Amino acid sequence: MALAITKEDKKLASKAKDLKIKYKMTLDDWNDMFNMQKGICELCKIAPASNVDYDKTNNKIRALVCKSCSLRLSKLAPIVILPQMKEYLSTH
């Protein structure tokens, strides 16, 4: 008898595939980064880390950030660089 695949199994498989395609990282790599950061955004140090931040010029992964910081980095960085963003980008 085959075991039923749960929604959680499908979600994890989808996340693993997405990480591999977009960032060439495994789910274990993501979990290791998440644990090293104690689950907190590397930029704001407040919100839960949920997104991979990477340097688009060389595809190097910087850290895990929250959704808000990810949006700020991708959309607003050329316009407004907050002091903590400047420090973060200079150290990663």
PDB file of N, CA and C in Angstrom:
ATOM      1  N   MET A   1       0.840  -1.175   0.000  1.00  0.00           N
ATOM      2  CA  MET A   1       0.000   0.000   0.000  1.00  0.00           C
ATOM      3  C   MET A   1       0.893   1.250   0.000  1.00  0.00           C
ATOM      4  N   ALA A   2       0.620   2.165  -0.892  1.00  0.00           N
ATOM      5  CA  ALA A   2       1.407   3.405  -1.007  1.00  0.00           C
ATOM      6  C   ALA A   2       0.958   4.414   0.043  1.00  0.00           C
ATOM      7  N   LEU A   3       1.926   5.153   0.551  1.00  0.00           N
ATOM      8  CA  LEU A   3       1.605   6.198   1.521  1.00  0.00           C
ATOM      9  C   LEU A   3       1.046   7.424   0.802  1.00  0.00           C
ATOM     10  N   ALA A   4       0.113   8.070   1.434  1.00  0.00           N
ATOM     11  CA  ALA A   4      -0.490   9.274   0.852  1.00  0.00           C
ATOM     12  C   ALA A   4       0.495  10.444   0.963  1.00  0.00           C
ATOM     13  N   ILE A   5       0.558  11.243  -0.082  1.00  0.00           N
ATOM     14  CA  ILE A   5       1.406  12.433  -0.071  1.00  0.00           C
ATOM     15  C   ILE A   5       0.573  13.578   0.483  1.00  0.00           C
ATOM     16  N   THR A   6       1.091  14.205   1.523  1.00  0.00           N
ATOM     17  CA  THR A   6       0.366  15.286   2.185  1.00  0.00           C
ATOM     18  C   THR A   6       0.636  16.624   1.505  1.00  0.00           C
ATOM     19  N   LYS A   7      -0.157  17.621   1.865  1.00  0.00           N
ATOM     20  CA  LYS A   7       0.052  18.980   1.369  1.00  0.00           C
ATOM     21  C   LYS A   7       1.428  19.483   1.779  1.00  0.00           C
ATOM     22  N   GLU A   8       1.824  19.148   3.011  1.00  0.00           N
ATOM     23  CA  GLU A   8       3.135  19.574   3.518  1.00  0.00           C
ATOM     24  C   GLU A   8       4.266  18.958   2.694  1.00  0.00           C
ATOM     25  N   ASP A   9       4.123  17.682   2.322  1.00  0.00           N
ATOM     26  CA  ASP A   9       5.121  17.012   1.478  1.00  0.00           C
ATOM     27  C   ASP A   9       5.244  17.722   0.126  1.00  0.00           C
ATOM     28  N   LYS A  10       4.106  18.055  -0.460  1.00  0.00           N
ATOM     29  CA  LYS A  10       4.097  18.743  -1.756  1.00  0.00           C
ATOM     30  C   LYS A  10       4.729  20.126  -1.640  1.00  0.00           C
ATOM     31  N   LYS A  11       4.425  20.820  -0.537  1.00  0.00           N
ATOM     32  CA  LYS A  11       4.964  22.155  -0.310  1.00  0.00           C
ATOM     33  C   LYS A  11       6.494  22.105  -0.178  1.00  0.00           C
ATOM     34  N   LEU A  12       6.992  21.142   0.592  1.00  0.00           N
ATOM     35  CA  LEU A  12       8.442  20.993   0.760  1.00  0.00           C
ATOM     36  C   LEU A  12       9.118  20.609  -0.555  1.00  0.00           C
ATOM     37  N   ALA A  13       8.507  19.734  -1.313  1.00  0.00           N
ATOM     38  CA  ALA A  13       9.069  19.333  -2.606  1.00  0.00           C
ATOM     39  C   ALA A  13       9.125  20.520  -3.560  1.00  0.00           C
ATOM     40  N   SER A  14       8.076  21.337  -3.547  1.00  0.00           N
ATOM     41  CA  SER A  14       8.037  22.524  -4.395  1.00  0.00           C
ATOM     42  C   SER A  14       9.107  23.531  -3.976  1.00  0.00           C
ATOM     43  N   LYS A  15       9.266  23.732  -2.663  1.00  0.00           N
ATOM     44  CA  LYS A  15      10.282  24.651  -2.167  1.00  0.00           C
ATOM     45  C   LYS A  15      11.678  24.156  -2.526  1.00  0.00           C
ATOM     46  N   ALA A  16      11.919  22.868  -2.375  1.00  0.00           N
ATOM     47  CA  ALA A  16      13.220  22.289  -2.711  1.00  0.00           C
ATOM     48  C   ALA A  16      13.544  22.491  -4.189  1.00  0.00           C
ATOM     49  N   LYS A  17      12.560  22.262  -5.038  1.00  0.00           N
ATOM     50  CA  LYS A  17      12.749  22.442  -6.483  1.00  0.00           C
ATOM     51  C   LYS A  17      13.034  23.904  -6.809  1.00  0.00           C
ATOM     52  N   ASP A  18      12.273  24.807  -6.210  1.00  0.00           N
ATOM     53  CA  ASP A  18      12.441  26.240  -6.421  1.00  0.00           C
ATOM     54  C   ASP A  18      13.841  26.708  -5.994  1.00  0.00           C
ATOM     55  N   LEU A  19      14.286  26.262  -4.824  1.00  0.00           N
ATOM     56  CA  LEU A  19      15.615  26.638  -4.332  1.00  0.00           C
ATOM     57  C   LEU A  19      16.708  26.137  -5.271  1.00  0.00           C
ATOM     58  N   LYS A  20      16.545  24.920  -5.757  1.00  0.00           N
ATOM     59  CA  LYS A  20      17.542  24.323  -6.643  1.00  0.00           C
ATOM     60  C   LYS A  20      17.619  25.089  -7.962  1.00  0.00           C
ATOM     61  N   ILE A  21      16.466  25.414  -8.528  1.00  0.00           N
ATOM     62  CA  ILE A  21      16.430  26.102  -9.820  1.00  0.00           C
ATOM     63  C   ILE A  21      16.919  27.547  -9.699  1.00  0.00           C
ATOM     64  N   LYS A  22      16.392  28.286  -8.740  1.00  0.00           N
ATOM     65  CA  LYS A  22      16.706  29.711  -8.623  1.00  0.00           C
ATOM     66  C   LYS A  22      18.078  30.001  -8.034  1.00  0.00           C
ATOM     67  N   TYR A  23      18.478  29.213  -7.015  1.00  0.00           N
ATOM     68  CA  TYR A  23      19.677  29.574  -6.255  1.00  0.00           C
ATOM     69  C   TYR A  23      20.739  28.478  -6.219  1.00  0.00           C
ATOM     70  N   LYS A  24      20.455  27.342  -6.853  1.00  0.00           N
ATOM     71  CA  LYS A  24      21.382  26.211  -6.832  1.00  0.00           C
ATOM     72  C   LYS A  24      21.744  25.801  -5.403  1.00  0.00           C
ATOM     73  N   MET A  25      20.737  25.820  -4.545  1.00  0.00           N
ATOM     74  CA  MET A  25      20.931  25.390  -3.160  1.00  0.00           C
ATOM     75  C   MET A  25      19.904  24.332  -2.809  1.00  0.00           C
ATOM     76  N   THR A  26      20.235  23.518  -1.833  1.00  0.00           N
ATOM     77  CA  THR A  26      19.318  22.467  -1.399  1.00  0.00           C
ATOM     78  C   THR A  26      18.463  22.978  -0.243  1.00  0.00           C
ATOM     79  N   LEU A  27      17.451  22.219   0.070  1.00  0.00           N
ATOM     80  CA  LEU A  27      16.609  22.540   1.219  1.00  0.00           C
ATOM     81  C   LEU A  27      17.438  22.451   2.504  1.00  0.00           C
ATOM     82  N   ASP A  28      18.383  21.525   2.552  1.00  0.00           N
ATOM     83  CA  ASP A  28      19.279  21.425   3.709  1.00  0.00           C
ATOM     84  C   ASP A  28      20.144  22.684   3.842  1.00  0.00           C
ATOM     85  N   ASP A  29      20.625  23.216   2.707  1.00  0.00           N
ATOM     86  CA  ASP A  29      21.407  24.464   2.728  1.00  0.00           C
ATOM     87  C   ASP A  29      20.564  25.595   3.316  1.00  0.00           C
ATOM     88  N   TRP A  30      19.304  25.681   2.853  1.00  0.00           N
ATOM     89  CA  TRP A  30      18.402  26.733   3.340  1.00  0.00           C
ATOM     90  C   TRP A  30      18.159  26.570   4.836  1.00  0.00           C
ATOM     91  N   ASN A  31      17.902  25.348   5.258  1.00  0.00           N
ATOM     92  CA  ASN A  31      17.666  25.087   6.683  1.00  0.00           C
ATOM     93  C   ASN A  31      18.893  25.417   7.527  1.00  0.00           C
ATOM     94  N   ASP A  32      20.090  25.118   7.011  1.00  0.00           N
ATOM     95  CA  ASP A  32      21.326  25.456   7.729  1.00  0.00           C
ATOM     96  C   ASP A  32      21.454  26.974   7.896  1.00  0.00           C
ATOM     97  N   MET A  33      21.191  27.722   6.821  1.00  0.00           N
ATOM     98  CA  MET A  33      21.256  29.190   6.904  1.00  0.00           C
ATOM     99  C   MET A  33      20.213  29.714   7.888  1.00  0.00           C
ATOM    100  N   PHE A  34      19.011  29.181   7.791  1.00  0.00           N
ATOM    101  CA  PHE A  34      17.916  29.586   8.676  1.00  0.00           C
ATOM    102  C   PHE A  34      18.305  29.373  10.140  1.00  0.00           C
ATOM    103  N   ASN A  35      18.867  28.219  10.430  1.00  0.00           N
ATOM    104  CA  ASN A  35      19.278  27.906  11.802  1.00  0.00           C
ATOM    105  C   ASN A  35      20.446  28.778  12.255  1.00  0.00           C
ATOM    106  N   MET A  36      21.404  29.034  11.366  1.00  0.00           N
ATOM    107  CA  MET A  36      22.537  29.905  11.715  1.00  0.00           C
ATOM    108  C   MET A  36      22.066  31.317  12.055  1.00  0.00           C
ATOM    109  N   GLN A  37      21.038  31.771  11.356  1.00  0.00           N
ATOM    110  CA  GLN A  37      20.475  33.106  11.586  1.00  0.00           C
ATOM    111  C   GLN A  37      19.404  33.085  12.679  1.00  0.00           C
ATOM    112  N   LYS A  38      19.204  31.943  13.291  1.00  0.00           N
ATOM    113  CA  LYS A  38      18.184  31.755  14.325  1.00  0.00           C
ATOM    114  C   LYS A  38      16.785  32.107  13.820  1.00  0.00           C
ATOM    115  N   GLY A  39      16.577  31.933  12.514  1.00  0.00           N
ATOM    116  CA  GLY A  39      15.270  32.164  11.917  1.00  0.00           C
ATOM    117  C   GLY A  39      14.905  33.621  11.704  1.00  0.00           C
ATOM    118  N   ILE A  40      15.864  34.518  11.934  1.00  0.00           N
ATOM    119  CA  ILE A  40      15.590  35.959  11.879  1.00  0.00           C
ATOM    120  C   ILE A  40      16.243  36.587  10.640  1.00  0.00           C
ATOM    121  N   CYS A  41      15.570  37.563  10.069  1.00  0.00           N
ATOM    122  CA  CYS A  41      16.081  38.311   8.914  1.00  0.00           C
ATOM    123  C   CYS A  41      17.469  38.877   9.220  1.00  0.00           C
ATOM    124  N   GLU A  42      18.397  38.658   8.317  1.00  0.00           N
ATOM    125  CA  GLU A  42      19.769  39.136   8.490  1.00  0.00           C
ATOM    126  C   GLU A  42      19.860  40.656   8.388  1.00  0.00           C
ATOM    127  N   LEU A  43      18.901  41.284   7.757  1.00  0.00           N
ATOM    128  CA  LEU A  43      18.947  42.732   7.568  1.00  0.00           C
ATOM    129  C   LEU A  43      18.290  43.502   8.712  1.00  0.00           C
ATOM    130  N   CYS A  44      17.014  43.286   8.939  1.00  0.00           N
ATOM    131  CA  CYS A  44      16.317  44.065   9.978  1.00  0.00           C
ATOM    132  C   CYS A  44      16.472  43.474  11.375  1.00  0.00           C
ATOM    133  N   LYS A  45      16.833  42.199  11.438  1.00  0.00           N
ATOM    134  CA  LYS A  45      17.036  41.490  12.713  1.00  0.00           C
ATOM    135  C   LYS A  45      15.762  41.394  13.560  1.00  0.00           C
ATOM    136  N   ILE A  46      14.601  41.528  12.926  1.00  0.00           N
ATOM    137  CA  ILE A  46      13.335  41.499  13.658  1.00  0.00           C
ATOM    138  C   ILE A  46      12.397  40.416  13.124  1.00  0.00           C
ATOM    139  N   ALA A  47      12.104  40.487  11.848  1.00  0.00           N
ATOM    140  CA  ALA A  47      11.101  39.605  11.241  1.00  0.00           C
ATOM    141  C   ALA A  47      11.688  38.224  10.915  1.00  0.00           C
ATOM    142  N   PRO A  48      10.817  37.241  10.761  1.00  0.00           N
ATOM    143  CA  PRO A  48      11.292  35.904  10.380  1.00  0.00           C
ATOM    144  C   PRO A  48      11.927  35.907   8.983  1.00  0.00           C
ATOM    145  N   ALA A  49      13.027  35.189   8.854  1.00  0.00           N
ATOM    146  CA  ALA A  49      13.692  35.051   7.555  1.00  0.00           C
ATOM    147  C   ALA A  49      12.870  34.111   6.675  1.00  0.00           C
ATOM    148  N   SER A  50      12.580  34.549   5.457  1.00  0.00           N
ATOM    149  CA  SER A  50      11.763  33.717   4.580  1.00  0.00           C
ATOM    150  C   SER A  50      12.236  33.726   3.131  1.00  0.00           C
ATOM    151  N   ASN A  51      13.053  34.696   2.756  1.00  0.00           N
ATOM    152  CA  ASN A  51      13.481  34.842   1.368  1.00  0.00           C
ATOM    153  C   ASN A  51      15.001  34.757   1.255  1.00  0.00           C
ATOM    154  N   VAL A  52      15.463  34.242   0.131  1.00  0.00           N
ATOM    155  CA  VAL A  52      16.898  34.195  -0.142  1.00  0.00           C
ATOM    156  C   VAL A  52      17.292  35.512  -0.792  1.00  0.00           C
ATOM    157  N   ASP A  53      18.297  36.171  -0.213  1.00  0.00           N
ATOM    158  CA  ASP A  53      18.846  37.369  -0.842  1.00  0.00           C
ATOM    159  C   ASP A  53      20.153  36.973  -1.508  1.00  0.00           C
ATOM    160  N   TYR A  54      20.318  37.387  -2.761  1.00  0.00           N
ATOM    161  CA  TYR A  54      21.537  37.057  -3.481  1.00  0.00           C
ATOM    162  C   TYR A  54      21.956  38.234  -4.352  1.00  0.00           C
ATOM    163  N   ASP A  55      23.245  38.277  -4.642  1.00  0.00           N
ATOM    164  CA  ASP A  55      23.815  39.320  -5.491  1.00  0.00           C
ATOM    165  C   ASP A  55      23.509  38.951  -6.936  1.00  0.00           C
ATOM    166  N   LYS A  56      22.723  39.759  -7.607  1.00  0.00           N
ATOM    167  CA  LYS A  56      22.302  39.453  -8.971  1.00  0.00           C
ATOM    168  C   LYS A  56      23.445  39.553  -9.983  1.00  0.00           C
ATOM    169  N   THR A  57      24.543  40.207  -9.602  1.00  0.00           N
ATOM    170  CA  THR A  57      25.665  40.331 -10.541  1.00  0.00           C
ATOM    171  C   THR A  57      26.510  39.062 -10.607  1.00  0.00           C
ATOM    172  N   ASN A  58      26.580  38.317  -9.505  1.00  0.00           N
ATOM    173  CA  ASN A  58      27.401  37.106  -9.508  1.00  0.00           C
ATOM    174  C   ASN A  58      26.657  35.874  -8.972  1.00  0.00           C
ATOM    175  N   ASN A  59      25.379  36.033  -8.673  1.00  0.00           N
ATOM    176  CA  ASN A  59      24.514  34.960  -8.162  1.00  0.00           C
ATOM    177  C   ASN A  59      24.972  34.388  -6.823  1.00  0.00           C
ATOM    178  N   LYS A  60      25.774  35.127  -6.086  1.00  0.00           N
ATOM    179  CA  LYS A  60      26.227  34.674  -4.771  1.00  0.00           C
ATOM    180  C   LYS A  60      25.125  34.921  -3.742  1.00  0.00           C
ATOM    181  N   ILE A  61      24.800  33.893  -2.981  1.00  0.00           N
ATOM    182  CA  ILE A  61      23.793  34.011  -1.933  1.00  0.00           C
ATOM    183  C   ILE A  61      24.388  34.793  -0.776  1.00  0.00           C
ATOM    184  N   ARG A  62      23.649  35.818  -0.323  1.00  0.00           N
ATOM    185  CA  ARG A  62      24.109  36.630   0.800  1.00  0.00           C
ATOM    186  C   ARG A  62      23.604  36.073   2.128  1.00  0.00           C
ATOM    187  N   ALA A  63      22.290  35.979   2.250  1.00  0.00           N
ATOM    188  CA  ALA A  63      21.673  35.563   3.510  1.00  0.00           C
ATOM    189  C   ALA A  63      20.184  35.374   3.281  1.00  0.00           C
ATOM    190  N   LEU A  64      19.484  35.028   4.349  1.00  0.00           N
ATOM    191  CA  LEU A  64      18.026  34.952   4.317  1.00  0.00           C
ATOM    192  C   LEU A  64      17.476  36.231   4.933  1.00  0.00           C
ATOM    193  N   VAL A  65      16.476  36.795   4.290  1.00  0.00           N
ATOM    194  CA  VAL A  65      15.864  38.038   4.764  1.00  0.00           C
ATOM    195  C   VAL A  65      14.352  37.869   4.801  1.00  0.00           C
ATOM    196  N   CYS A  66      13.681  38.794   5.466  1.00  0.00           N
ATOM    197  CA  CYS A  66      12.213  38.763   5.511  1.00  0.00           C
ATOM    198  C   CYS A  66      11.646  39.283   4.190  1.00  0.00           C
ATOM    199  N   LYS A  67      10.365  39.102   4.006  1.00  0.00           N
ATOM    200  CA  LYS A  67       9.727  39.539   2.770  1.00  0.00           C
ATOM    201  C   LYS A  67       9.852  41.044   2.566  1.00  0.00           C
ATOM    202  N   SER A  68       9.684  41.815   3.637  1.00  0.00           N
ATOM    203  CA  SER A  68       9.757  43.277   3.525  1.00  0.00           C
ATOM    204  C   SER A  68      11.147  43.736   3.111  1.00  0.00           C
ATOM    205  N   CYS A  69      12.167  43.185   3.741  1.00  0.00           N
ATOM    206  CA  CYS A  69      13.542  43.570   3.407  1.00  0.00           C
ATOM    207  C   CYS A  69      13.910  43.108   2.000  1.00  0.00           C
ATOM    208  N   SER A  70      13.423  41.943   1.608  1.00  0.00           N
ATOM    209  CA  SER A  70      13.672  41.450   0.251  1.00  0.00           C
ATOM    210  C   SER A  70      13.086  42.413  -0.777  1.00  0.00           C
ATOM    211  N   LEU A  71      11.875  42.862  -0.528  1.00  0.00           N
ATOM    212  CA  LEU A  71      11.232  43.816  -1.428  1.00  0.00           C
ATOM    213  C   LEU A  71      12.014  45.126  -1.480  1.00  0.00           C
ATOM    214  N   ARG A  72      12.415  45.611  -0.320  1.00  0.00           N
ATOM    215  CA  ARG A  72      13.193  46.856  -0.280  1.00  0.00           C
ATOM    216  C   ARG A  72      14.495  46.717  -1.053  1.00  0.00           C
ATOM    217  N   LEU A  73      15.177  45.599  -0.862  1.00  0.00           N
ATOM    218  CA  LEU A  73      16.445  45.389  -1.551  1.00  0.00           C
ATOM    219  C   LEU A  73      16.258  45.304  -3.063  1.00  0.00           C
ATOM    220  N   SER A  74      15.217  44.632  -3.504  1.00  0.00           N
ATOM    221  CA  SER A  74      15.040  44.432  -4.937  1.00  0.00           C
ATOM    222  C   SER A  74      14.406  45.617  -5.650  1.00  0.00           C
ATOM    223  N   LYS A  75      13.514  46.321  -4.989  1.00  0.00           N
ATOM    224  CA  LYS A  75      12.784  47.399  -5.659  1.00  0.00           C
ATOM    225  C   LYS A  75      13.285  48.795  -5.317  1.00  0.00           C
ATOM    226  N   LEU A  76      13.689  49.003  -4.068  1.00  0.00           N
ATOM    227  CA  LEU A  76      14.013  50.356  -3.635  1.00  0.00           C
ATOM    228  C   LEU A  76      15.503  50.634  -3.507  1.00  0.00           C
ATOM    229  N   ALA A  77      16.311  49.603  -3.549  1.00  0.00           N
ATOM    230  CA  ALA A  77      17.746  49.793  -3.337  1.00  0.00           C
ATOM    231  C   ALA A  77      18.347  50.873  -4.230  1.00  0.00           C
ATOM    232  N   PRO A  78      18.009  50.930  -5.511  1.00  0.00           N
ATOM    233  CA  PRO A  78      18.608  51.988  -6.324  1.00  0.00           C
ATOM    234  C   PRO A  78      18.145  53.393  -5.920  1.00  0.00           C
ATOM    235  N   ILE A  79      16.997  53.482  -5.268  1.00  0.00           N
ATOM    236  CA  ILE A  79      16.444  54.784  -4.926  1.00  0.00           C
ATOM    237  C   ILE A  79      16.813  55.195  -3.500  1.00  0.00           C
ATOM    238  N   VAL A  80      16.544  54.331  -2.565  1.00  0.00           N
ATOM    239  CA  VAL A  80      16.763  54.655  -1.157  1.00  0.00           C
ATOM    240  C   VAL A  80      17.555  53.531  -0.497  1.00  0.00           C
ATOM    241  N   ILE A  81      18.738  53.858  -0.024  1.00  0.00           N
ATOM    242  CA  ILE A  81      19.536  52.874   0.708  1.00  0.00           C
ATOM    243  C   ILE A  81      19.569  53.326   2.164  1.00  0.00           C
ATOM    244  N   LEU A  82      18.892  52.563   3.004  1.00  0.00           N
ATOM    245  CA  LEU A  82      18.898  52.870   4.423  1.00  0.00           C
ATOM    246  C   LEU A  82      20.255  52.501   5.005  1.00  0.00           C
ATOM    247  N   PRO A  83      20.665  53.158   6.100  1.00  0.00           N
ATOM    248  CA  PRO A  83      21.975  52.861   6.682  1.00  0.00           C
ATOM    249  C   PRO A  83      22.209  51.380   6.958  1.00  0.00           C
ATOM    250  N   GLN A  84      21.204  50.683   7.505  1.00  0.00           N
ATOM    251  CA  GLN A  84      21.408  49.265   7.784  1.00  0.00           C
ATOM    252  C   GLN A  84      21.529  48.455   6.503  1.00  0.00           C
ATOM    253  N   MET A  85      20.876  48.893   5.411  1.00  0.00           N
ATOM    254  CA  MET A  85      21.020  48.214   4.132  1.00  0.00           C
ATOM    255  C   MET A  85      22.437  48.401   3.596  1.00  0.00           C
ATOM    256  N   LYS A  86      22.947  49.608   3.720  1.00  0.00           N
ATOM    257  CA  LYS A  86      24.300  49.898   3.247  1.00  0.00           C
ATOM    258  C   LYS A  86      25.314  49.024   3.986  1.00  0.00           C
ATOM    259  N   GLU A  87      25.161  48.917   5.287  1.00  0.00           N
ATOM    260  CA  GLU A  87      26.065  48.086   6.077  1.00  0.00           C
ATOM    261  C   GLU A  87      25.932  46.611   5.684  1.00  0.00           C
ATOM    262  N   TYR A  88      24.694  46.156   5.538  1.00  0.00           N
ATOM    263  CA  TYR A  88      24.453  44.772   5.163  1.00  0.00           C
ATOM    264  C   TYR A  88      25.096  44.459   3.818  1.00  0.00           C
ATOM    265  N   LEU A  89      24.860  45.314   2.821  1.00  0.00           N
ATOM    266  CA  LEU A  89      25.392  45.059   1.474  1.00  0.00           C
ATOM    267  C   LEU A  89      26.916  45.118   1.458  1.00  0.00           C
ATOM    268  N   SER A  90      27.512  45.944   2.315  1.00  0.00           N
ATOM    269  CA  SER A  90      28.973  46.038   2.324  1.00  0.00           C
ATOM    270  C   SER A  90      29.634  44.849   3.021  1.00  0.00           C
ATOM    271  N   THR A  91      28.877  44.126   3.841  1.00  0.00           N
ATOM    272  CA  THR A  91      29.459  42.991   4.561  1.00  0.00           C
ATOM    273  C   THR A  91      29.079  41.639   3.976  1.00  0.00           C
ATOM    274  N   HIS A  92      28.216  41.602   2.978  1.00  0.00           N
ATOM    275  CA  HIS A  92      27.807  40.322   2.402  1.00  0.00           C
ATOM    276  C   HIS A  92      28.182  40.254   0.940  1.00  0.00           C
TER     277      HIS A  92
END
